Full PDB file with SEQRES, HELIX, SHEET, SSBOND, CRYST1, ORIGX, SCALE, CONECT and MASTER records, all heavy atoms in Angstrom:
SEQRES   1 A   35  ARG ILE ASP GLY MET GLY TRP TYR ARG GLN ALA PRO GLY          
SEQRES   2 A   35  LYS PRO ARG GLU LEU VAL ALA GLY ILE PRO SER GLY GLY          
SEQRES   3 A   35  SER THR ASN TYR ALA ASP SER VAL LYS                          
SHEET    1 AA1 3 GLY A   4  ARG A   9  0                                        
SHEET    2 AA1 3 GLU A  17  PRO A  23 -1                                        
SHEET    3 AA1 3 ASN A  29  TYR A  30 -1                                        
CRYST1    1.000    1.000    1.000  90.00  90.00  90.00 P 1           1          
ORIGX1      1.000000  0.000000  0.000000        0.00000                         
ORIGX2      0.000000  1.000000  0.000000        0.00000                         
ORIGX3      0.000000  0.000000  1.000000        0.00000                         
SCALE1      1.000000  0.000000  0.000000        0.00000                         
SCALE2      0.000000  1.000000  0.000000        0.00000                         
SCALE3      0.000000  0.000000  1.000000        0.00000                         
ATOM      1  N   ARG A   1       0.840  -1.183  -0.004  1.00  0.00           N  
ATOM      2  CA  ARG A   1      -0.018   0.013  -0.016  1.00  0.00           C  
ATOM      3  C   ARG A   1       0.876   1.256   0.003  1.00  0.00           C  
ATOM      4  O   ARG A   1       1.896   1.266   0.689  1.00  0.00           O  
ATOM      5  CB  ARG A   1      -0.911  -0.001   1.227  1.00  0.00           C  
ATOM      6  CG  ARG A   1      -1.878   1.174   1.297  1.00  0.00           C  
ATOM      7  CD  ARG A   1      -2.682   1.145   2.566  1.00  0.00           C  
ATOM      8  NE  ARG A   1      -1.895   1.398   3.781  1.00  0.00           N  
ATOM      9  CZ  ARG A   1      -1.654   0.562   4.744  1.00  0.00           C  
ATOM     10  NH1 ARG A   1      -2.212  -0.664   4.695  1.00  0.00           N  
ATOM     11  NH2 ARG A   1      -0.934   0.908   5.776  1.00  0.00           N  
ATOM     12  N   ILE A   2       0.489   2.215  -0.782  1.00  0.00           N  
ATOM     13  CA  ILE A   2       1.138   3.517  -0.739  1.00  0.00           C  
ATOM     14  C   ILE A   2       0.211   4.472   0.005  1.00  0.00           C  
ATOM     15  O   ILE A   2      -0.895   4.739  -0.399  1.00  0.00           O  
ATOM     16  CB  ILE A   2       1.459   4.054  -2.137  1.00  0.00           C  
ATOM     17  CG1 ILE A   2       2.469   3.163  -2.829  1.00  0.00           C  
ATOM     18  CG2 ILE A   2       1.972   5.500  -2.058  1.00  0.00           C  
ATOM     19  CD1 ILE A   2       2.878   3.630  -4.222  1.00  0.00           C  
ATOM     20  N   ASP A   3       0.740   4.994   1.101  1.00  0.00           N  
ATOM     21  CA  ASP A   3      -0.078   5.856   1.967  1.00  0.00           C  
ATOM     22  C   ASP A   3       0.017   7.327   1.598  1.00  0.00           C  
ATOM     23  O   ASP A   3      -0.853   8.129   2.031  1.00  0.00           O  
ATOM     24  CB  ASP A   3       0.335   5.659   3.424  1.00  0.00           C  
ATOM     25  CG  ASP A   3       0.179   4.245   3.909  1.00  0.00           C  
ATOM     26  OD1 ASP A   3      -0.895   3.657   3.696  1.00  0.00           O  
ATOM     27  OD2 ASP A   3       1.141   3.687   4.507  1.00  0.00           O  
ATOM     28  N   GLY A   4       1.024   7.693   0.878  1.00  0.00           N  
ATOM     29  CA  GLY A   4       1.145   9.049   0.446  1.00  0.00           C  
ATOM     30  C   GLY A   4       2.333   9.233  -0.467  1.00  0.00           C  
ATOM     31  O   GLY A   4       3.295   8.467  -0.399  1.00  0.00           O  
ATOM     32  N   MET A   5       2.288  10.237  -1.302  1.00  0.00           N  
ATOM     33  CA  MET A   5       3.402  10.579  -2.157  1.00  0.00           C  
ATOM     34  C   MET A   5       3.475  12.101  -2.259  1.00  0.00           C  
ATOM     35  O   MET A   5       2.506  12.798  -1.947  1.00  0.00           O  
ATOM     36  CB  MET A   5       3.221   9.977  -3.591  1.00  0.00           C  
ATOM     37  CG  MET A   5       3.082   8.481  -3.628  1.00  0.00           C  
ATOM     38  SD  MET A   5       2.999   7.810  -5.318  1.00  0.00           S  
ATOM     39  CE  MET A   5       4.759   7.903  -5.752  1.00  0.00           C  
ATOM     40  N   GLY A   6       4.625  12.572  -2.672  1.00  0.00           N  
ATOM     41  CA  GLY A   6       4.754  14.001  -2.804  1.00  0.00           C  
ATOM     42  C   GLY A   6       6.185  14.389  -3.211  1.00  0.00           C  
ATOM     43  O   GLY A   6       6.988  13.568  -3.627  1.00  0.00           O  
ATOM     44  N   TRP A   7       6.467  15.675  -3.052  1.00  0.00           N  
ATOM     45  CA  TRP A   7       7.687  16.244  -3.549  1.00  0.00           C  
ATOM     46  C   TRP A   7       8.274  17.196  -2.525  1.00  0.00           C  
ATOM     47  O   TRP A   7       7.609  18.028  -1.921  1.00  0.00           O  
ATOM     48  CB  TRP A   7       7.412  17.041  -4.855  1.00  0.00           C  
ATOM     49  CG  TRP A   7       6.889  16.233  -5.949  1.00  0.00           C  
ATOM     50  CD1 TRP A   7       5.582  15.900  -6.220  1.00  0.00           C  
ATOM     51  CD2 TRP A   7       7.673  15.562  -6.977  1.00  0.00           C  
ATOM     52  NE1 TRP A   7       5.490  15.160  -7.343  1.00  0.00           N  
ATOM     53  CE2 TRP A   7       6.716  14.918  -7.821  1.00  0.00           C  
ATOM     54  CE3 TRP A   7       9.021  15.526  -7.214  1.00  0.00           C  
ATOM     55  CZ2 TRP A   7       7.154  14.168  -8.923  1.00  0.00           C  
ATOM     56  CZ3 TRP A   7       9.438  14.760  -8.337  1.00  0.00           C  
ATOM     57  CH2 TRP A   7       8.496  14.124  -9.167  1.00  0.00           C  
ATOM     58  N   TYR A   8       9.548  17.077  -2.322  1.00  0.00           N  
ATOM     59  CA  TYR A   8      10.406  18.055  -1.643  1.00  0.00           C  
ATOM     60  C   TYR A   8      11.362  18.658  -2.671  1.00  0.00           C  
ATOM     61  O   TYR A   8      11.556  18.112  -3.761  1.00  0.00           O  
ATOM     62  CB  TYR A   8      11.205  17.438  -0.535  1.00  0.00           C  
ATOM     63  CG  TYR A   8      10.459  17.198   0.794  1.00  0.00           C  
ATOM     64  CD1 TYR A   8       9.536  16.164   0.918  1.00  0.00           C  
ATOM     65  CD2 TYR A   8      10.687  17.997   1.871  1.00  0.00           C  
ATOM     66  CE1 TYR A   8       8.877  15.952   2.083  1.00  0.00           C  
ATOM     67  CE2 TYR A   8      10.004  17.807   3.050  1.00  0.00           C  
ATOM     68  CZ  TYR A   8       9.096  16.778   3.161  1.00  0.00           C  
ATOM     69  OH  TYR A   8       8.458  16.554   4.351  1.00  0.00           O  
ATOM     70  N   ARG A   9      11.925  19.806  -2.311  1.00  0.00           N  
ATOM     71  CA  ARG A   9      12.951  20.380  -3.147  1.00  0.00           C  
ATOM     72  C   ARG A   9      14.063  20.971  -2.300  1.00  0.00           C  
ATOM     73  O   ARG A   9      13.810  21.342  -1.142  1.00  0.00           O  
ATOM     74  CB  ARG A   9      12.411  21.422  -4.098  1.00  0.00           C  
ATOM     75  CG  ARG A   9      11.917  22.697  -3.429  1.00  0.00           C  
ATOM     76  CD  ARG A   9      11.296  23.637  -4.422  1.00  0.00           C  
ATOM     77  NE  ARG A   9      10.808  24.873  -3.823  1.00  0.00           N  
ATOM     78  CZ  ARG A   9      10.106  25.812  -4.442  1.00  0.00           C  
ATOM     79  NH1 ARG A   9       9.818  25.643  -5.736  1.00  0.00           N  
ATOM     80  NH2 ARG A   9       9.705  26.905  -3.818  1.00  0.00           N  
ATOM     81  N   GLN A  10      15.269  21.054  -2.838  1.00  0.00           N  
ATOM     82  CA  GLN A  10      16.359  21.667  -2.157  1.00  0.00           C  
ATOM     83  C   GLN A  10      17.110  22.582  -3.148  1.00  0.00           C  
ATOM     84  O   GLN A  10      17.643  22.113  -4.109  1.00  0.00           O  
ATOM     85  CB  GLN A  10      17.305  20.609  -1.590  1.00  0.00           C  
ATOM     86  CG  GLN A  10      18.402  21.195  -0.712  1.00  0.00           C  
ATOM     87  CD  GLN A  10      19.084  20.181   0.141  1.00  0.00           C  
ATOM     88  OE1 GLN A  10      19.017  18.973  -0.091  1.00  0.00           O  
ATOM     89  NE2 GLN A  10      19.744  20.654   1.210  1.00  0.00           N  
ATOM     90  N   ALA A  11      17.099  23.868  -2.840  1.00  0.00           N  
ATOM     91  CA  ALA A  11      17.774  24.836  -3.633  1.00  0.00           C  
ATOM     92  C   ALA A  11      19.159  25.109  -3.061  1.00  0.00           C  
ATOM     93  O   ALA A  11      19.402  24.913  -1.891  1.00  0.00           O  
ATOM     94  CB  ALA A  11      16.943  26.136  -3.709  1.00  0.00           C  
ATOM     95  N   PRO A  12      20.063  25.631  -3.878  1.00  0.00           N  
ATOM     96  CA  PRO A  12      21.407  25.943  -3.385  1.00  0.00           C  
ATOM     97  C   PRO A  12      21.365  26.899  -2.203  1.00  0.00           C  
ATOM     98  O   PRO A  12      20.687  27.931  -2.238  1.00  0.00           O  
ATOM     99  CB  PRO A  12      22.108  26.591  -4.578  1.00  0.00           C  
ATOM    100  CG  PRO A  12      21.366  26.050  -5.745  1.00  0.00           C  
ATOM    101  CD  PRO A  12      19.951  25.895  -5.335  1.00  0.00           C  
ATOM    102  N   GLY A  13      22.043  26.529  -1.109  1.00  0.00           N  
ATOM    103  CA  GLY A  13      22.110  27.352   0.053  1.00  0.00           C  
ATOM    104  C   GLY A  13      20.867  27.342   0.933  1.00  0.00           C  
ATOM    105  O   GLY A  13      20.777  28.113   1.860  1.00  0.00           O  
ATOM    106  N   LYS A  14      19.892  26.478   0.595  1.00  0.00           N  
ATOM    107  CA  LYS A  14      18.661  26.434   1.359  1.00  0.00           C  
ATOM    108  C   LYS A  14      18.397  24.995   1.801  1.00  0.00           C  
ATOM    109  O   LYS A  14      18.840  24.056   1.147  1.00  0.00           O  
ATOM    110  CB  LYS A  14      17.483  26.935   0.561  1.00  0.00           C  
ATOM    111  CG  LYS A  14      17.577  28.384   0.143  1.00  0.00           C  
ATOM    112  CD  LYS A  14      16.351  28.849  -0.660  1.00  0.00           C  
ATOM    113  CE  LYS A  14      16.415  30.281  -1.002  1.00  0.00           C  
ATOM    114  NZ  LYS A  14      15.236  30.712  -1.770  1.00  0.00           N  
ATOM    115  N   PRO A  15      17.694  24.839   2.926  1.00  0.00           N  
ATOM    116  CA  PRO A  15      17.346  23.445   3.363  1.00  0.00           C  
ATOM    117  C   PRO A  15      16.252  22.881   2.514  1.00  0.00           C  
ATOM    118  O   PRO A  15      15.499  23.557   1.795  1.00  0.00           O  
ATOM    119  CB  PRO A  15      16.866  23.668   4.810  1.00  0.00           C  
ATOM    120  CG  PRO A  15      16.317  25.068   4.784  1.00  0.00           C  
ATOM    121  CD  PRO A  15      17.181  25.858   3.862  1.00  0.00           C  
ATOM    122  N   ARG A  16      16.129  21.578   2.575  1.00  0.00           N  
ATOM    123  CA  ARG A  16      15.085  20.889   1.838  1.00  0.00           C  
ATOM    124  C   ARG A  16      13.720  21.276   2.425  1.00  0.00           C  
ATOM    125  O   ARG A  16      13.545  21.325   3.641  1.00  0.00           O  
ATOM    126  CB  ARG A  16      15.285  19.389   1.895  1.00  0.00           C  
ATOM    127  CG  ARG A  16      14.259  18.579   1.149  1.00  0.00           C  
ATOM    128  CD  ARG A  16      14.749  17.284   0.638  1.00  0.00           C  
ATOM    129  NE  ARG A  16      15.288  16.442   1.706  1.00  0.00           N  
ATOM    130  CZ  ARG A  16      15.772  15.184   1.508  1.00  0.00           C  
ATOM    131  NH1 ARG A  16      15.792  14.681   0.275  1.00  0.00           N  
ATOM    132  NH2 ARG A  16      16.246  14.492   2.525  1.00  0.00           N  
ATOM    133  N   GLU A  17      12.747  21.531   1.534  1.00  0.00           N  
ATOM    134  CA  GLU A  17      11.442  21.919   1.988  1.00  0.00           C  
ATOM    135  C   GLU A  17      10.348  21.147   1.230  1.00  0.00           C  
ATOM    136  O   GLU A  17      10.548  20.746   0.096  1.00  0.00           O  
ATOM    137  CB  GLU A  17      11.230  23.438   1.732  1.00  0.00           C  
ATOM    138  CG  GLU A  17      11.260  23.822   0.278  1.00  0.00           C  
ATOM    139  CD  GLU A  17      10.945  25.316   0.059  1.00  0.00           C  
ATOM    140  OE1 GLU A  17      10.622  26.009   1.027  1.00  0.00           O  
ATOM    141  OE2 GLU A  17      11.018  25.763  -1.109  1.00  0.00           O  
ATOM    142  N   LEU A  18       9.242  20.987   1.903  1.00  0.00           N  
ATOM    143  CA  LEU A  18       8.147  20.291   1.291  1.00  0.00           C  
ATOM    144  C   LEU A  18       7.500  21.219   0.271  1.00  0.00           C  
ATOM    145  O   LEU A  18       7.168  22.365   0.566  1.00  0.00           O  
ATOM    146  CB  LEU A  18       7.073  19.884   2.349  1.00  0.00           C  
ATOM    147  CG  LEU A  18       5.816  19.248   1.827  1.00  0.00           C  
ATOM    148  CD1 LEU A  18       6.128  17.859   1.213  1.00  0.00           C  
ATOM    149  CD2 LEU A  18       4.777  19.106   2.970  1.00  0.00           C  
ATOM    150  N   VAL A  19       7.298  20.677  -0.923  1.00  0.00           N  
ATOM    151  CA  VAL A  19       6.647  21.433  -2.015  1.00  0.00           C  
ATOM    152  C   VAL A  19       5.176  21.113  -2.050  1.00  0.00           C  
ATOM    153  O   VAL A  19       4.310  21.979  -2.075  1.00  0.00           O  
ATOM    154  CB  VAL A  19       7.302  21.172  -3.349  1.00  0.00           C  
ATOM    155  CG1 VAL A  19       6.562  21.906  -4.490  1.00  0.00           C  
ATOM    156  CG2 VAL A  19       8.776  21.558  -3.325  1.00  0.00           C  
ATOM    157  N   ALA A  20       4.868  19.814  -2.128  1.00  0.00           N  
ATOM    158  CA  ALA A  20       3.501  19.372  -2.251  1.00  0.00           C  
ATOM    159  C   ALA A  20       3.378  17.912  -1.821  1.00  0.00           C  
ATOM    160  O   ALA A  20       4.321  17.146  -2.085  1.00  0.00           O  
ATOM    161  CB  ALA A  20       2.953  19.541  -3.649  1.00  0.00           C  
ATOM    162  N   GLY A  21       2.279  17.543  -1.224  1.00  0.00           N  
ATOM    163  CA  GLY A  21       2.063  16.184  -0.871  1.00  0.00           C  
ATOM    164  C   GLY A  21       0.576  15.775  -1.101  1.00  0.00           C  
ATOM    165  O   GLY A  21      -0.294  16.662  -1.084  1.00  0.00           O  
ATOM    166  N   ILE A  22       0.377  14.527  -1.305  1.00  0.00           N  
ATOM    167  CA  ILE A  22      -0.975  14.014  -1.554  1.00  0.00           C  
ATOM    168  C   ILE A  22      -1.080  12.632  -0.920  1.00  0.00           C  
ATOM    169  O   ILE A  22      -0.426  11.687  -1.309  1.00  0.00           O  
ATOM    170  CB  ILE A  22      -1.328  14.016  -3.040  1.00  0.00           C  
ATOM    171  CG1 ILE A  22      -2.784  13.520  -3.241  1.00  0.00           C  
ATOM    172  CG2 ILE A  22      -0.333  13.220  -3.860  1.00  0.00           C  
ATOM    173  CD1 ILE A  22      -3.283  13.750  -4.669  1.00  0.00           C  
ATOM    174  N   PRO A  23      -1.948  12.486   0.112  1.00  0.00           N  
ATOM    175  CA  PRO A  23      -2.148  11.164   0.663  1.00  0.00           C  
ATOM    176  C   PRO A  23      -3.166  10.356  -0.136  1.00  0.00           C  
ATOM    177  O   PRO A  23      -3.700  10.851  -1.161  1.00  0.00           O  
ATOM    178  CB  PRO A  23      -2.715  11.513   2.079  1.00  0.00           C  
ATOM    179  CG  PRO A  23      -3.433  12.791   1.859  1.00  0.00           C  
ATOM    180  CD  PRO A  23      -2.628  13.552   0.837  1.00  0.00           C  
ATOM    181  N   SER A  24      -3.440   9.136   0.292  1.00  0.00           N  
ATOM    182  CA  SER A  24      -4.341   8.270  -0.459  1.00  0.00           C  
ATOM    183  C   SER A  24      -5.769   8.837  -0.526  1.00  0.00           C  
ATOM    184  O   SER A  24      -6.509   8.579  -1.473  1.00  0.00           O  
ATOM    185  CB  SER A  24      -4.382   6.859   0.133  1.00  0.00           C  
ATOM    186  OG  SER A  24      -3.097   6.248   0.042  1.00  0.00           O  
ATOM    187  N   GLY A  25      -6.138   9.588   0.504  1.00  0.00           N  
ATOM    188  CA  GLY A  25      -7.505  10.123   0.570  1.00  0.00           C  
ATOM    189  C   GLY A  25      -7.813  11.214  -0.452  1.00  0.00           C  
ATOM    190  O   GLY A  25      -8.954  11.566  -0.611  1.00  0.00           O  
ATOM    191  N   GLY A  26      -6.798  11.729  -1.099  1.00  0.00           N  
ATOM    192  CA  GLY A  26      -7.010  12.696  -2.170  1.00  0.00           C  
ATOM    193  C   GLY A  26      -6.793  14.154  -1.792  1.00  0.00           C  
ATOM    194  O   GLY A  26      -6.778  15.007  -2.670  1.00  0.00           O  
ATOM    195  N   SER A  27      -6.669  14.449  -0.480  1.00  0.00           N  
ATOM    196  CA  SER A  27      -6.398  15.785  -0.111  1.00  0.00           C  
ATOM    197  C   SER A  27      -4.966  16.154  -0.543  1.00  0.00           C  
ATOM    198  O   SER A  27      -4.112  15.288  -0.739  1.00  0.00           O  
ATOM    199  CB  SER A  27      -6.578  15.962   1.385  1.00  0.00           C  
ATOM    200  OG  SER A  27      -5.690  15.151   2.095  1.00  0.00           O  
ATOM    201  N   THR A  28      -4.717  17.446  -0.638  1.00  0.00           N  
ATOM    202  CA  THR A  28      -3.416  17.906  -1.048  1.00  0.00           C  
ATOM    203  C   THR A  28      -2.950  19.021  -0.130  1.00  0.00           C  
ATOM    204  O   THR A  28      -3.750  19.690   0.529  1.00  0.00           O  
ATOM    205  CB  THR A  28      -3.456  18.439  -2.475  1.00  0.00           C  
ATOM    206  OG1 THR A  28      -4.386  19.499  -2.602  1.00  0.00           O  
ATOM    207  CG2 THR A  28      -3.848  17.342  -3.455  1.00  0.00           C  
ATOM    208  N   ASN A  29      -1.637  19.199  -0.087  1.00  0.00           N  
ATOM    209  CA  ASN A  29      -1.098  20.338   0.624  1.00  0.00           C  
ATOM    210  C   ASN A  29       0.086  20.892  -0.165  1.00  0.00           C  
ATOM    211  O   ASN A  29       0.814  20.136  -0.856  1.00  0.00           O  
ATOM    212  CB  ASN A  29      -0.663  19.935   2.046  1.00  0.00           C  
ATOM    213  CG  ASN A  29       0.343  18.770   2.076  1.00  0.00           C  
ATOM    214  OD1 ASN A  29       1.566  18.991   1.944  1.00  0.00           O  
ATOM    215  ND2 ASN A  29      -0.142  17.568   2.222  1.00  0.00           N  
ATOM    216  N   TYR A  30       0.291  22.176  -0.070  1.00  0.00           N  
ATOM    217  CA  TYR A  30       1.294  22.879  -0.834  1.00  0.00           C  
ATOM    218  C   TYR A  30       2.044  23.873   0.025  1.00  0.00           C  
ATOM    219  O   TYR A  30       1.503  24.431   0.983  1.00  0.00           O  
ATOM    220  CB  TYR A  30       0.695  23.653  -2.017  1.00  0.00           C  
ATOM    221  CG  TYR A  30      -0.042  22.837  -3.025  1.00  0.00           C  
ATOM    222  CD1 TYR A  30      -1.406  22.576  -2.915  1.00  0.00           C  
ATOM    223  CD2 TYR A  30       0.610  22.291  -4.106  1.00  0.00           C  
ATOM    224  CE1 TYR A  30      -2.097  21.804  -3.835  1.00  0.00           C  
ATOM    225  CE2 TYR A  30      -0.056  21.519  -5.067  1.00  0.00           C  
ATOM    226  CZ  TYR A  30      -1.410  21.290  -4.907  1.00  0.00           C  
ATOM    227  OH  TYR A  30      -2.072  20.549  -5.830  1.00  0.00           O  
ATOM    228  N   ALA A  31       3.298  24.067  -0.318  1.00  0.00           N  
ATOM    229  CA  ALA A  31       4.012  25.204   0.269  1.00  0.00           C  
ATOM    230  C   ALA A  31       3.376  26.507  -0.154  1.00  0.00           C  
ATOM    231  O   ALA A  31       2.876  26.617  -1.294  1.00  0.00           O  
ATOM    232  CB  ALA A  31       5.478  25.183  -0.183  1.00  0.00           C  
ATOM    233  N   ASP A  32       3.368  27.480   0.706  1.00  0.00           N  
ATOM    234  CA  ASP A  32       2.739  28.765   0.362  1.00  0.00           C  
ATOM    235  C   ASP A  32       3.337  29.383  -0.871  1.00  0.00           C  
ATOM    236  O   ASP A  32       2.642  30.021  -1.670  1.00  0.00           O  
ATOM    237  CB  ASP A  32       2.924  29.754   1.557  1.00  0.00           C  
ATOM    238  CG  ASP A  32       2.066  29.397   2.740  1.00  0.00           C  
ATOM    239  OD1 ASP A  32       1.072  28.646   2.574  1.00  0.00           O  
ATOM    240  OD2 ASP A  32       2.362  29.846   3.868  1.00  0.00           O  
ATOM    241  N   SER A  33       4.598  29.142  -1.120  1.00  0.00           N  
ATOM    242  CA  SER A  33       5.290  29.727  -2.263  1.00  0.00           C  
ATOM    243  C   SER A  33       4.843  29.178  -3.595  1.00  0.00           C  
ATOM    244  O   SER A  33       5.104  29.800  -4.636  1.00  0.00           O  
ATOM    245  CB  SER A  33       6.813  29.602  -2.115  1.00  0.00           C  
ATOM    246  OG  SER A  33       7.143  28.234  -2.078  1.00  0.00           O  
ATOM    247  N   VAL A  34       4.177  28.050  -3.609  1.00  0.00           N  
ATOM    248  CA  VAL A  34       3.804  27.434  -4.894  1.00  0.00           C  
ATOM    249  C   VAL A  34       2.271  27.328  -5.036  1.00  0.00           C  
ATOM    250  O   VAL A  34       1.782  26.888  -6.114  1.00  0.00           O  
ATOM    251  CB  VAL A  34       4.404  26.014  -5.067  1.00  0.00           C  
ATOM    252  CG1 VAL A  34       5.921  26.111  -4.873  1.00  0.00           C  
ATOM    253  CG2 VAL A  34       3.777  25.014  -4.135  1.00  0.00           C  
ATOM    254  N   LYS A  35       1.510  27.699  -4.023  1.00  0.00           N  
ATOM    255  CA  LYS A  35       0.054  27.640  -4.144  1.00  0.00           C  
ATOM    256  C   LYS A  35      -0.452  28.476  -5.301  1.00  0.00           C  
ATOM    257  O   LYS A  35      -0.027  29.603  -5.513  1.00  0.00           O  
ATOM    258  CB  LYS A  35      -0.616  28.085  -2.853  1.00  0.00           C  
ATOM    259  CG  LYS A  35      -0.461  27.116  -1.687  1.00  0.00           C  
ATOM    260  CD  LYS A  35      -1.170  27.658  -0.425  1.00  0.00           C  
ATOM    261  CE  LYS A  35      -1.057  26.663   0.721  1.00  0.00           C  
ATOM    262  NZ  LYS A  35      -1.687  27.207   1.943  1.00  0.00           N  
TER     263      LYS A  35                                                      
MASTER        0    0    0    0    3    0    0    6  262    1    0    3          
END                                                                             
């Protein structure tokens, strides 16, 4: 079973941050910078 999938990103000089995620239920979440 896959319970969730999504994306992080890491830019030069910055820590890794969550970009977007989607669990099995279909809800989504986004970083404010990409909404």
